[in-house]
N, C-alpha and C. Protein backbone atom coordinates (compact mmCIF):
# COMPACT_ATOMS: atom_id res chain seq x y z
N UNK A 1 -155.71 -25.04 46.79
CA UNK A 1 -154.72 -25.03 47.61
C UNK A 1 -154.04 -23.92 48.28
N UNK A 2 -154.51 -22.35 47.66
CA UNK A 2 -154.53 -21.35 48.42
C UNK A 2 -154.80 -21.03 49.41
N UNK A 3 -156.16 -21.60 49.90
CA UNK A 3 -156.29 -21.01 51.41
C UNK A 3 -156.01 -22.00 52.37
N UNK A 4 -155.08 -23.17 51.70
CA UNK A 4 -155.11 -23.87 52.61
C UNK A 4 -153.55 -23.58 52.86
N UNK A 5 -153.34 -22.72 54.53
CA UNK A 5 -151.80 -22.49 54.83
C UNK A 5 -151.80 -22.36 56.46
N UNK A 6 -151.44 -23.83 56.93
CA UNK A 6 -151.09 -23.93 58.16
C UNK A 6 -149.84 -23.84 58.81
N UNK A 7 -149.91 -23.50 59.72
CA UNK A 7 -148.46 -22.87 60.51
C UNK A 7 -147.56 -23.95 59.91
N UNK A 8 -146.05 -24.08 59.63
CA UNK A 8 -145.62 -25.00 59.76
C UNK A 8 -144.09 -24.44 60.17
N UNK A 9 -144.09 -25.87 61.30
CA UNK A 9 -142.93 -25.53 62.27
C UNK A 9 -142.32 -27.24 62.13
N UNK A 10 -140.72 -26.72 62.36
CA UNK A 10 -139.95 -27.55 62.45
C UNK A 10 -139.87 -27.69 64.14
N UNK A 11 -139.54 -29.02 64.65
CA UNK A 11 -139.39 -28.91 66.10
C UNK A 11 -138.60 -29.77 65.97
N UNK A 12 -137.70 -29.83 66.90
CA UNK A 12 -136.08 -30.72 67.23
C UNK A 12 -135.23 -30.35 68.95
N UNK A 13 -134.42 -31.67 68.91
CA UNK A 13 -133.79 -31.27 70.29
C UNK A 13 -132.55 -31.86 69.59
N UNK A 14 -131.50 -30.41 69.83
CA UNK A 14 -130.57 -30.59 69.25
C UNK A 14 -129.38 -30.71 70.10
N UNK A 15 -128.19 -30.70 70.37
CA UNK A 15 -127.06 -30.61 71.11
C UNK A 15 -126.35 -29.34 71.03
N UNK A 16 -125.75 -28.42 71.88
CA UNK A 16 -124.99 -27.33 71.76
C UNK A 16 -123.93 -27.98 72.09
N UNK A 17 -122.78 -27.03 71.21
CA UNK A 17 -123.12 -26.17 70.09
C UNK A 17 -122.85 -27.16 68.70
N UNK A 18 -122.68 -28.22 68.84
CA UNK A 18 -122.60 -29.02 67.51
C UNK A 18 -123.40 -29.10 66.62
N UNK A 19 -125.35 -28.98 67.49
CA UNK A 19 -126.06 -29.20 66.53
C UNK A 19 -125.98 -30.93 65.95
N UNK A 20 -125.88 -31.99 67.49
CA UNK A 20 -125.96 -33.18 66.82
C UNK A 20 -127.33 -33.40 67.25
N UNK A 21 -128.36 -34.55 66.90
CA UNK A 21 -129.37 -34.54 66.47
C UNK A 21 -129.50 -36.34 67.02
N UNK A 22 -128.64 -37.10 66.46
CA UNK A 22 -128.73 -38.57 66.35
C UNK A 22 -127.71 -39.52 66.42
N UNK A 23 -128.10 -40.75 66.79
CA UNK A 23 -126.57 -41.56 66.82
C UNK A 23 -127.33 -42.97 66.71
N UNK A 24 -126.92 -43.48 64.94
CA UNK A 24 -127.46 -44.72 64.88
C UNK A 24 -128.37 -44.90 64.58
N UNK A 25 -128.93 -44.03 63.80
CA UNK A 25 -130.70 -43.67 63.63
C UNK A 25 -131.53 -43.70 65.09
N UNK A 26 -130.96 -43.01 66.06
CA UNK A 26 -131.68 -43.11 67.25
C UNK A 26 -131.65 -41.61 67.78
N UNK A 27 -131.49 -40.89 68.56
CA UNK A 27 -131.58 -40.02 69.45
C UNK A 27 -130.79 -40.42 70.54
N UNK A 28 -129.44 -39.89 70.85
CA UNK A 28 -128.49 -40.05 71.79
C UNK A 28 -128.58 -39.92 73.15
N UNK A 29 -129.94 -39.34 73.37
CA UNK A 29 -130.53 -39.43 74.94
C UNK A 29 -132.13 -39.59 74.84
N UNK A 30 -132.51 -39.92 76.14
CA UNK A 30 -133.72 -40.20 76.50
C UNK A 30 -134.32 -39.06 77.16
N UNK A 31 -134.99 -38.47 77.09
CA UNK A 31 -135.35 -36.84 77.99
C UNK A 31 -136.57 -36.94 78.59
N UNK A 32 -137.48 -37.88 79.52
CA UNK A 32 -138.31 -37.98 79.98
C UNK A 32 -139.53 -36.34 79.62
N UNK A 33 -139.39 -35.66 80.14
CA UNK A 33 -139.51 -34.51 80.57
C UNK A 33 -140.03 -33.95 78.82
N UNK A 34 -138.62 -33.68 77.90
CA UNK A 34 -138.57 -33.19 76.48
C UNK A 34 -139.49 -33.84 75.38
N UNK A 35 -139.68 -35.03 75.89
CA UNK A 35 -140.71 -36.18 74.86
C UNK A 35 -142.12 -36.04 75.60
N UNK A 36 -142.38 -35.26 77.11
CA UNK A 36 -144.01 -34.95 77.30
C UNK A 36 -144.18 -33.87 76.41
N UNK A 37 -142.49 -32.95 76.21
CA UNK A 37 -143.32 -31.29 75.53
C UNK A 37 -143.54 -31.66 74.10
N UNK A 38 -142.74 -32.46 73.19
CA UNK A 38 -142.79 -32.63 72.30
C UNK A 38 -144.50 -33.30 71.79
N UNK A 39 -145.10 -34.39 72.45
CA UNK A 39 -146.06 -34.71 72.68
C UNK A 39 -147.52 -33.96 72.80
N UNK A 40 -147.01 -32.71 73.96
CA UNK A 40 -148.14 -31.43 74.18
C UNK A 40 -147.90 -30.58 72.85
N UNK A 41 -146.61 -30.57 72.31
CA UNK A 41 -146.53 -29.28 71.66
C UNK A 41 -147.55 -29.56 70.28
N UNK A 42 -146.68 -31.21 69.91
CA UNK A 42 -147.56 -31.31 68.55
C UNK A 42 -149.05 -31.80 68.31
N UNK A 43 -149.44 -32.36 69.91
CA UNK A 43 -150.97 -32.80 69.36
C UNK A 43 -152.05 -31.20 70.41
N UNK A 44 -151.10 -30.62 70.71
CA UNK A 44 -152.38 -29.01 71.44
C UNK A 44 -153.01 -28.59 70.29
N UNK A 45 -153.84 -28.42 69.87
CA UNK A 45 -155.22 -27.36 68.88
C UNK A 45 -156.17 -26.72 70.05
N UNK A 46 -156.59 -26.07 69.03
CA UNK A 46 -157.97 -24.94 69.69
C UNK A 46 -159.28 -25.22 68.88
N UNK A 47 -159.93 -25.94 69.62
CA UNK A 47 -161.48 -25.98 68.86
C UNK A 47 -161.45 -27.20 68.32
N UNK A 48 -161.91 -27.86 67.37
CA UNK A 48 -161.74 -29.08 66.91
C UNK A 48 -160.85 -29.55 65.85
N UNK A 49 -159.86 -29.28 65.73
CA UNK A 49 -158.95 -29.14 64.73
C UNK A 49 -157.61 -30.25 65.19
N UNK A 50 -157.24 -30.46 64.49
CA UNK A 50 -156.05 -31.97 64.68
C UNK A 50 -154.79 -31.00 63.84
N UNK A 51 -153.58 -31.49 64.50
CA UNK A 51 -152.36 -31.39 63.97
C UNK A 51 -151.64 -32.49 63.07
N UNK A 52 -150.73 -31.88 62.78
CA UNK A 52 -150.00 -32.94 61.47
C UNK A 52 -148.62 -33.12 61.66
N UNK A 53 -148.43 -34.32 61.72
CA UNK A 53 -146.40 -34.31 61.93
C UNK A 53 -146.06 -35.19 60.45
N UNK A 54 -145.05 -34.63 59.99
CA UNK A 54 -144.22 -34.93 59.21
C UNK A 54 -142.56 -35.60 59.07
N UNK A 55 -142.82 -36.57 58.95
CA UNK A 55 -141.32 -37.24 58.65
C UNK A 55 -141.00 -38.10 57.87
N UNK A 56 -139.46 -38.37 57.70
CA UNK A 56 -139.20 -39.07 56.54
C UNK A 56 -139.33 -40.91 56.59
N UNK A 57 -139.12 -41.19 55.96
CA UNK A 57 -139.26 -42.66 55.80
C UNK A 57 -138.81 -43.20 57.24
N UNK A 58 -137.44 -43.24 57.69
CA UNK A 58 -136.75 -44.01 58.30
C UNK A 58 -136.55 -43.11 59.67
N UNK A 59 -136.88 -42.06 59.68
CA UNK A 59 -137.51 -41.36 61.02
C UNK A 59 -139.18 -42.31 61.26
N UNK A 60 -139.69 -42.29 60.83
CA UNK A 60 -141.22 -43.31 60.76
C UNK A 60 -140.89 -44.76 61.23
N UNK A 61 -139.84 -44.97 60.81
CA UNK A 61 -139.43 -46.88 61.34
C UNK A 61 -138.86 -46.60 62.32
N UNK A 62 -137.83 -45.40 62.37
CA UNK A 62 -137.19 -45.71 64.30
C UNK A 62 -137.83 -45.73 65.20
N UNK A 63 -139.41 -45.38 64.89
CA UNK A 63 -140.30 -44.74 65.74
C UNK A 63 -140.96 -46.62 66.91
N UNK A 64 -140.84 -47.20 67.84
CA UNK A 64 -141.36 -48.27 67.98
C UNK A 64 -142.24 -48.73 67.44
N UNK A 65 -142.64 -50.15 66.84
CA UNK A 65 -144.03 -50.12 66.06
C UNK A 65 -145.12 -49.83 66.43
N UNK A 66 -145.29 -50.16 68.40
CA UNK A 66 -146.18 -50.19 69.12
C UNK A 66 -146.49 -49.09 69.66
N UNK A 67 -146.09 -47.40 68.72
CA UNK A 67 -146.49 -46.31 69.56
C UNK A 67 -146.47 -45.49 68.36
N UNK A 68 -146.69 -46.15 66.68
CA UNK A 68 -147.06 -45.31 65.82
C UNK A 68 -148.22 -45.87 65.49
N UNK A 69 -149.09 -45.19 64.43
CA UNK A 69 -148.44 -43.88 64.06
C UNK A 69 -148.48 -43.05 65.41
N UNK A 70 -148.29 -41.55 65.93
CA UNK A 70 -148.16 -41.27 67.24
C UNK A 70 -149.80 -40.63 67.39
N UNK A 71 -150.30 -40.84 68.28
CA UNK A 71 -151.47 -40.91 68.11
C UNK A 71 -151.91 -39.20 68.49
N UNK A 72 -153.07 -39.10 68.25
CA UNK A 72 -153.90 -37.64 67.90
C UNK A 72 -153.43 -36.75 67.00
N UNK A 73 -152.45 -36.92 66.17
CA UNK A 73 -152.08 -36.62 65.04
C UNK A 73 -152.12 -37.46 63.94
N UNK A 74 -152.35 -36.12 62.73
CA UNK A 74 -152.07 -36.82 61.58
C UNK A 74 -150.51 -37.13 61.26
N UNK A 75 -150.11 -38.71 61.01
CA UNK A 75 -148.72 -38.87 60.25
C UNK A 75 -149.09 -38.77 59.51
N UNK A 76 -147.76 -37.80 58.57
CA UNK A 76 -147.20 -37.86 57.31
C UNK A 76 -145.77 -38.44 57.00
N UNK A 77 -145.58 -39.03 56.47
CA UNK A 77 -144.33 -39.73 56.18
C UNK A 77 -143.84 -40.00 55.04
N UNK A 78 -142.68 -39.32 54.81
CA UNK A 78 -142.12 -38.98 53.02
C UNK A 78 -140.97 -39.44 52.58
N UNK A 79 -141.39 -40.14 51.58
CA UNK A 79 -140.50 -41.25 50.46
C UNK A 79 -140.00 -40.84 49.22
N UNK A 80 -139.67 -40.59 48.65
CA UNK A 80 -139.68 -40.59 46.91
C UNK A 80 -139.95 -41.67 46.22
N UNK A 81 -140.20 -42.38 46.63
CA UNK A 81 -141.02 -43.73 46.07
C UNK A 81 -142.05 -43.81 46.53
N UNK A 82 -142.71 -43.20 47.40
CA UNK A 82 -143.97 -43.65 48.08
C UNK A 82 -144.78 -43.03 47.00
N UNK A 83 -146.55 -43.03 46.33
CA UNK A 83 -147.35 -42.87 46.13
C UNK A 83 -147.99 -41.38 47.08
N UNK A 84 -148.75 -40.81 46.43
CA UNK A 84 -149.79 -40.21 47.41
C UNK A 84 -150.69 -40.37 47.71
N UNK A 85 -150.93 -41.18 48.72
CA UNK A 85 -152.21 -41.59 49.36
C UNK A 85 -152.28 -41.85 50.42
N UNK A 86 -154.00 -41.76 51.32
CA UNK A 86 -153.97 -41.90 52.86
C UNK A 86 -153.96 -43.28 52.94
N UNK A 87 -153.24 -43.88 53.56
CA UNK A 87 -152.88 -45.16 54.24
C UNK A 87 -154.10 -45.59 55.16
N UNK A 88 -154.42 -44.79 56.18
CA UNK A 88 -155.60 -44.97 57.06
C UNK A 88 -156.14 -43.66 56.99
N UNK A 89 -156.53 -43.19 58.31
CA UNK A 89 -157.50 -42.44 59.11
C UNK A 89 -156.49 -41.37 59.71
N UNK A 90 -155.05 -42.42 60.06
CA UNK A 90 -153.95 -41.47 60.83
C UNK A 90 -152.78 -41.68 60.32
N UNK A 91 -152.52 -41.76 58.92
CA UNK A 91 -151.07 -42.08 58.07
C UNK A 91 -151.42 -41.76 56.48
N UNK A 92 -150.77 -40.87 56.53
CA UNK A 92 -150.39 -40.53 54.88
C UNK A 92 -149.39 -40.74 54.51
N UNK A 93 -149.10 -41.38 53.07
CA UNK A 93 -147.64 -41.37 52.08
C UNK A 93 -147.58 -40.13 51.26
N UNK A 94 -146.42 -39.59 51.04
CA UNK A 94 -146.68 -38.51 50.35
C UNK A 94 -145.06 -38.59 49.79
N UNK A 95 -144.87 -37.67 48.45
CA UNK A 95 -143.47 -38.03 48.18
C UNK A 95 -142.78 -36.77 48.00
N UNK A 96 -143.88 -35.57 48.52
CA UNK A 96 -142.65 -34.69 48.54
C UNK A 96 -143.58 -33.51 49.71
N UNK A 97 -143.23 -32.38 50.25
CA UNK A 97 -143.50 -31.64 51.16
C UNK A 97 -144.76 -31.21 50.46
N UNK A 98 -144.67 -30.59 48.97
CA UNK A 98 -145.65 -30.10 48.63
C UNK A 98 -147.09 -31.43 48.13
N UNK A 99 -146.58 -32.27 48.09
CA UNK A 99 -147.65 -33.40 47.98
C UNK A 99 -148.35 -33.56 49.32
N UNK A 100 -147.50 -33.58 50.31
CA UNK A 100 -148.40 -33.92 51.70
C UNK A 100 -148.63 -32.89 52.32
N UNK A 101 -148.97 -31.45 51.74
CA UNK A 101 -149.85 -30.45 52.20
C UNK A 101 -150.81 -30.71 51.17
N UNK A 102 -150.91 -31.09 49.83
CA UNK A 102 -152.06 -31.27 49.40
C UNK A 102 -152.98 -32.16 50.10
N UNK A 103 -152.24 -33.77 50.62
CA UNK A 103 -152.88 -34.57 50.78
C UNK A 103 -153.42 -34.09 52.15
N UNK A 104 -153.08 -33.39 53.13
CA UNK A 104 -153.28 -32.62 54.39
C UNK A 104 -154.63 -31.81 54.05
N UNK A 105 -154.45 -31.41 52.86
CA UNK A 105 -156.33 -29.88 52.52
C UNK A 105 -156.95 -31.31 52.12
N UNK A 106 -157.10 -32.49 51.39
CA UNK A 106 -158.02 -33.47 51.12
C UNK A 106 -158.15 -34.09 52.57
N UNK A 107 -157.94 -34.65 53.05
CA UNK A 107 -157.94 -35.00 54.35
C UNK A 107 -158.55 -34.09 55.71
N UNK A 108 -158.42 -32.82 55.44
CA UNK A 108 -159.20 -32.26 56.82
C UNK A 108 -160.63 -31.91 55.74
N UNK A 109 -160.49 -31.88 54.53
CA UNK A 109 -161.72 -31.60 53.65
C UNK A 109 -162.55 -32.76 53.66
N UNK A 110 -162.38 -34.19 54.06
CA UNK A 110 -162.64 -35.58 53.63
C UNK A 110 -163.64 -35.35 55.23
N UNK A 111 -162.73 -35.06 56.17
CA UNK A 111 -163.11 -35.48 57.97
C UNK A 111 -163.72 -34.30 58.66
N UNK A 112 -163.93 -33.02 57.56
CA UNK A 112 -164.50 -31.70 58.07
C UNK A 112 -164.01 -31.64 59.64
N UNK A 113 -161.84 -31.34 59.56
CA UNK A 113 -161.70 -31.76 60.81
C UNK A 113 -160.20 -30.64 60.41
N UNK A 114 -159.90 -29.50 60.92
CA UNK A 114 -159.34 -28.34 59.64
C UNK A 114 -157.59 -28.92 60.85
N UNK A 115 -156.89 -29.13 59.51
CA UNK A 115 -155.58 -29.27 60.30
C UNK A 115 -154.78 -27.78 60.60
N UNK A 116 -154.47 -27.76 61.93
CA UNK A 116 -154.59 -26.39 62.05
C UNK A 116 -152.79 -26.37 62.51
N UNK A 117 -152.01 -27.13 62.55
CA UNK A 117 -150.55 -26.95 62.61
C UNK A 117 -149.61 -28.17 61.91
N UNK A 118 -148.56 -27.94 60.86
CA UNK A 118 -148.03 -28.65 60.81
C UNK A 118 -146.61 -29.14 61.54
N UNK A 119 -145.97 -30.02 61.77
CA UNK A 119 -144.91 -30.42 62.40
C UNK A 119 -143.85 -31.27 61.62
N UNK A 120 -142.64 -30.35 61.54
CA UNK A 120 -141.53 -31.62 60.41
C UNK A 120 -140.98 -31.42 61.85
N UNK A 121 -140.41 -33.21 62.41
CA UNK A 121 -139.93 -33.87 63.02
C UNK A 121 -139.11 -34.92 62.31
N UNK A 122 -138.33 -34.55 61.99
CA UNK A 122 -137.55 -35.53 61.16
C UNK A 122 -137.65 -36.18 60.28
N UNK A 123 -136.34 -36.98 59.68
CA UNK A 123 -134.93 -36.57 60.14
C UNK A 123 -133.77 -35.78 59.62
N UNK A 124 -132.73 -35.74 59.98
CA UNK A 124 -132.02 -34.45 59.36
C UNK A 124 -132.09 -33.77 57.47
N UNK A 125 -132.04 -35.30 56.69
CA UNK A 125 -132.49 -34.94 55.76
C UNK A 125 -133.63 -34.06 55.48
N UNK A 126 -134.60 -34.22 56.51
CA UNK A 126 -136.13 -33.68 56.03
C UNK A 126 -136.06 -32.35 56.22
N UNK A 127 -134.91 -32.17 57.22
CA UNK A 127 -134.65 -30.99 58.72
C UNK A 127 -134.33 -29.99 56.90
N UNK A 128 -132.69 -30.22 56.45
CA UNK A 128 -131.91 -29.64 55.82
C UNK A 128 -132.89 -29.51 54.68
N UNK A 129 -133.68 -30.30 53.87
CA UNK A 129 -134.41 -29.79 52.71
C UNK A 129 -135.48 -28.64 53.47
N UNK A 130 -136.07 -28.39 54.22
CA UNK A 130 -137.03 -27.87 54.71
C UNK A 130 -137.03 -26.42 55.39
N UNK A 131 -135.79 -26.50 55.82
CA UNK A 131 -135.52 -25.27 56.92
C UNK A 131 -135.55 -23.99 56.15
N UNK A 132 -135.34 -24.34 54.77
CA UNK A 132 -134.89 -22.94 54.24
C UNK A 132 -136.13 -22.66 53.07
N UNK A 133 -137.24 -23.46 53.46
CA UNK A 133 -138.45 -23.62 52.80
C UNK A 133 -139.20 -22.61 53.27
N UNK A 134 -139.64 -21.48 52.48
CA UNK A 134 -140.37 -20.26 53.35
C UNK A 134 -141.72 -20.37 53.67
N UNK A 135 -142.22 -21.79 53.58
CA UNK A 135 -143.52 -21.91 54.30
C UNK A 135 -143.22 -22.51 56.00
N UNK A 136 -142.32 -22.34 55.98
CA UNK A 136 -141.90 -23.01 57.33
C UNK A 136 -141.57 -21.20 58.09
N UNK A 137 -142.31 -21.58 59.12
CA UNK A 137 -142.38 -19.89 59.76
C UNK A 137 -141.90 -20.15 61.35
N UNK A 138 -141.59 -21.53 61.79
CA UNK A 138 -140.97 -21.35 63.19
C UNK A 138 -140.31 -22.24 63.38
N UNK A 139 -139.26 -22.33 64.29
CA UNK A 139 -138.32 -23.75 64.62
C UNK A 139 -138.49 -23.87 66.08
N UNK A 140 -139.00 -24.59 66.49
CA UNK A 140 -138.85 -24.92 67.72
C UNK A 140 -137.67 -26.02 68.39
N UNK A 141 -136.85 -25.52 69.08
CA UNK A 141 -135.39 -25.88 69.37
C UNK A 141 -135.30 -26.27 70.98
N UNK A 142 -135.36 -27.66 71.32
CA UNK A 142 -134.54 -28.02 72.88
C UNK A 142 -133.72 -28.09 72.57
N UNK A 143 -133.01 -26.99 73.08
CA UNK A 143 -131.00 -26.50 73.10
C UNK A 143 -130.70 -27.77 74.18
N UNK A 144 -129.69 -28.23 74.47
CA UNK A 144 -129.23 -29.73 75.36
C UNK A 144 -127.87 -29.22 75.32
N UNK A 145 -127.86 -29.29 76.04
CA UNK A 145 -125.98 -29.31 76.42
C UNK A 145 -125.96 -30.82 77.67
N UNK A 146 -124.18 -31.46 77.27
CA UNK A 146 -124.29 -32.14 77.78
C UNK A 146 -123.19 -31.46 78.88
N UNK A 147 -122.86 -32.17 80.21
CA UNK A 147 -122.13 -32.16 81.17
C UNK A 147 -120.96 -33.02 80.52
N UNK A 148 -121.49 -34.14 79.86
CA UNK A 148 -120.41 -34.98 79.42
C UNK A 148 -120.30 -34.81 78.41
N UNK A 149 -118.70 -35.14 77.78
CA UNK A 149 -119.05 -35.33 76.19
C UNK A 149 -120.17 -36.81 75.58
N UNK A 150 -120.62 -36.39 74.17
CA UNK A 150 -121.81 -37.01 74.24
C UNK A 150 -121.67 -37.59 72.58
N UNK A 151 -121.26 -38.76 72.42
CA UNK A 151 -121.56 -39.12 70.77
C UNK A 151 -122.57 -39.02 70.07
N UNK A 152 -122.28 -38.18 68.67
CA UNK A 152 -123.41 -38.48 68.13
C UNK A 152 -122.58 -38.32 66.88
N UNK A 153 -123.98 -38.34 65.27
CA UNK A 153 -123.14 -38.86 64.11
C UNK A 153 -123.77 -38.21 62.96
N UNK A 154 -125.28 -37.54 63.65
CA UNK A 154 -126.09 -36.79 62.87
C UNK A 154 -126.74 -35.50 63.37
N UNK A 155 -126.33 -34.53 62.32
CA UNK A 155 -126.17 -33.28 62.83
C UNK A 155 -127.41 -32.55 62.28
N UNK A 156 -128.20 -31.25 63.03
CA UNK A 156 -128.91 -30.39 62.10
C UNK A 156 -128.87 -30.32 60.33
N UNK A 157 -127.71 -30.30 60.49
CA UNK A 157 -126.76 -29.99 58.82
C UNK A 157 -127.54 -28.41 58.56
N UNK A 158 -127.26 -27.19 59.61
CA UNK A 158 -127.66 -25.91 59.06
C UNK A 158 -127.33 -24.98 60.19
N UNK A 159 -126.39 -23.74 59.73
CA UNK A 159 -125.75 -23.33 60.97
C UNK A 159 -127.05 -22.96 61.70
N UNK A 160 -127.41 -22.72 63.23
CA UNK A 160 -127.96 -22.23 64.15
C UNK A 160 -127.68 -21.29 65.08
N UNK A 161 -126.94 -22.63 66.38
CA UNK A 161 -125.88 -21.81 67.40
C UNK A 161 -125.11 -21.01 67.42
N UNK A 162 -123.86 -21.62 65.90
CA UNK A 162 -123.34 -20.42 65.52
C UNK A 162 -123.35 -19.54 65.21
N UNK A 163 -124.76 -18.88 64.61
CA UNK A 163 -125.33 -17.63 64.04
C UNK A 163 -126.03 -18.36 62.76
N UNK A 164 -127.01 -17.72 62.81
CA UNK A 164 -127.63 -18.22 61.23
C UNK A 164 -127.74 -16.69 60.57
N UNK A 165 -127.90 -17.17 59.50
CA UNK A 165 -128.47 -15.29 58.91
C UNK A 165 -130.04 -14.96 58.52
N UNK A 166 -130.33 -16.48 58.97
CA UNK A 166 -131.80 -16.39 58.65
C UNK A 166 -132.99 -16.65 59.89
N UNK A 167 -132.38 -17.20 60.81
CA UNK A 167 -133.12 -17.52 61.91
C UNK A 167 -132.61 -17.00 63.04
N UNK A 168 -133.94 -15.89 64.41
CA UNK A 168 -133.29 -15.68 65.43
C UNK A 168 -134.25 -16.11 66.38
N UNK A 169 -133.30 -16.36 67.63
CA UNK A 169 -133.97 -16.93 68.67
C UNK A 169 -135.12 -15.69 69.23
N UNK A 170 -136.01 -15.83 69.27
CA UNK A 170 -137.30 -14.98 70.03
C UNK A 170 -136.87 -15.08 72.01
N UNK A 171 -137.86 -14.15 72.33
CA UNK A 171 -137.75 -14.41 73.79
C UNK A 171 -139.23 -15.37 74.42
N UNK A 172 -138.38 -15.87 75.44
CA UNK A 172 -139.54 -16.94 76.01
C UNK A 172 -141.24 -16.86 76.04
N UNK A 173 -141.23 -15.75 76.08
CA UNK A 173 -142.83 -14.92 76.14
C UNK A 173 -143.19 -15.14 74.72
N UNK A 174 -142.86 -15.73 73.46
CA UNK A 174 -143.44 -15.25 72.42
C UNK A 174 -143.50 -16.86 72.39
N UNK A 175 -142.31 -18.09 72.83
CA UNK A 175 -142.85 -19.43 72.66
C UNK A 175 -144.19 -19.84 73.60
N UNK A 176 -143.72 -19.01 74.67
CA UNK A 176 -145.04 -19.33 75.56
C UNK A 176 -146.21 -18.94 75.06
N UNK A 177 -146.38 -18.04 74.40
CA UNK A 177 -147.48 -17.62 73.54
C UNK A 177 -147.94 -18.59 72.46
N UNK A 178 -146.72 -19.11 71.35
CA UNK A 178 -146.99 -20.19 70.83
C UNK A 178 -147.57 -21.16 71.13
N UNK A 179 -147.14 -22.02 72.15
CA UNK A 179 -147.65 -23.34 72.98
C UNK A 179 -148.81 -22.87 73.68
N UNK A 180 -149.06 -22.37 74.01
CA UNK A 180 -150.05 -21.77 75.11
C UNK A 180 -149.92 -22.30 76.58
N UNK A 181 -151.11 -23.27 77.21
CA UNK A 181 -150.95 -23.57 78.35
C UNK A 181 -150.13 -24.63 78.44
N UNK A 182 -149.23 -24.95 77.75
CA UNK A 182 -148.30 -25.91 78.53
C UNK A 182 -147.33 -25.27 79.25
N UNK A 183 -146.91 -26.10 80.13
CA UNK A 183 -145.88 -25.09 81.24
C UNK A 183 -144.67 -25.21 80.62
N UNK A 184 -143.77 -24.34 80.98
CA UNK A 184 -142.06 -24.07 80.47
C UNK A 184 -141.39 -24.14 81.91
N UNK A 185 -140.29 -25.26 81.85
CA UNK A 185 -139.90 -25.26 82.82
C UNK A 185 -138.13 -24.18 82.24
N UNK A 186 -137.52 -24.44 82.80
CA UNK A 186 -135.99 -23.45 82.63
C UNK A 186 -135.04 -24.14 82.80
N UNK A 187 -134.04 -24.57 82.57
CA UNK A 187 -132.69 -25.32 82.74
C UNK A 187 -133.05 -26.74 83.59
N UNK A 188 -133.55 -27.58 82.43
CA UNK A 188 -134.11 -29.02 83.09
C UNK A 188 -132.80 -29.65 82.92
N UNK A 189 -132.68 -30.41 84.23
CA UNK A 189 -131.82 -31.12 84.36
C UNK A 189 -131.96 -32.93 84.55
N UNK A 190 -131.94 -33.63 83.36
CA UNK A 190 -132.03 -34.96 83.52
C UNK A 190 -130.47 -35.94 83.32
N UNK A 191 -129.89 -36.53 84.10
CA UNK A 191 -129.20 -37.50 83.91
C UNK A 191 -127.70 -36.17 83.17
N UNK A 192 -127.45 -36.58 82.56
CA UNK A 192 -125.80 -35.87 81.74
C UNK A 192 -126.17 -34.67 81.29
N UNK A 193 -127.71 -34.35 80.72
CA UNK A 193 -128.11 -33.17 80.13
C UNK A 193 -128.77 -32.00 80.67
N UNK A 194 -128.43 -30.67 80.06
CA UNK A 194 -129.18 -29.44 80.66
C UNK A 194 -130.10 -29.23 79.65
N UNK A 195 -131.31 -28.77 79.34
CA UNK A 195 -131.85 -27.93 78.50
C UNK A 195 -133.14 -27.28 78.46
N UNK A 196 -133.15 -26.24 77.52
CA UNK A 196 -134.28 -25.63 77.38
C UNK A 196 -135.03 -25.46 76.13
N UNK A 197 -136.63 -24.93 76.58
CA UNK A 197 -137.11 -25.21 74.86
C UNK A 197 -136.33 -23.53 74.50
N UNK A 198 -137.09 -23.17 72.72
CA UNK A 198 -136.93 -22.23 72.36
C UNK A 198 -137.50 -22.27 71.02
N UNK A 199 -137.60 -20.72 70.72
CA UNK A 199 -138.56 -20.40 69.50
C UNK A 199 -137.46 -19.79 68.80
N UNK A 200 -137.52 -19.97 67.75
CA UNK A 200 -136.77 -19.13 66.42
C UNK A 200 -137.46 -18.86 65.29
N UNK A 201 -137.63 -17.65 65.01
CA UNK A 201 -138.51 -17.29 64.04
C UNK A 201 -137.20 -16.48 62.69
N UNK A 202 -137.98 -16.74 61.80
CA UNK A 202 -137.32 -15.55 60.51
C UNK A 202 -136.57 -14.76 60.52
N UNK A 203 -135.69 -13.95 60.37
CA UNK A 203 -135.24 -12.82 60.93
C UNK A 203 -136.02 -11.44 59.44
C-alpha cells in the first residue's frame, strides 16, 4: 500500500459565509457551469490514468439512477454496512476510506490503469470525517454568494470561510495549475447566485 499515494482532494460547492451545502438531501441550487466544472475537474487525467470519486451511500442514492455511476471515473461508495468489494468495473463498495484506497489500488493493478486522483464528493458526514485526514491535501471549493437568502439544512461542518487553522486559500494560478487546461471564469452569475472556484491547501 505504501506505493499507492494518489492526490486526494475534497471537492464541494458551499454557500458563504454559512458553509451551507444542501437542503433535503439535495443541492439547494442547480448551477450549469459549476456542474460542468465538477465533471471536467474530476475526469481530467494525463496519459492513460483514471480518477476516482468517493461518496457516501446517501450521496450515491441522491444521484438519479440514469446518471450513475458517474461516467469515466471509478465510483467508490462508502457505508459502514458494506462489504469491501468491486461491484463492477465502475463501482466499488467500501466500509472505510482506508479500505476504499486498498480497493482502488487493486483496481488499478487489475486493469493496468493507474488511479491518478481521488476526489471526495460528499456528503457532509464524509467531508467532516475526511477533512482532517492528512491524506487529503487539497480542497476545491466553489464559493457561492446568494443575492437573496437561500434555505439550507446541511453544512460543511468545519470552519473555512470564517477562518481555518488548517487550510488556506491559494492564488488562482495555483488552482489553474492543479486543474490544467480547464478554463476558469470569475464571478459567474446564474440566477440568484454568484460564484468562484477556489483552491485551498494545508498551512
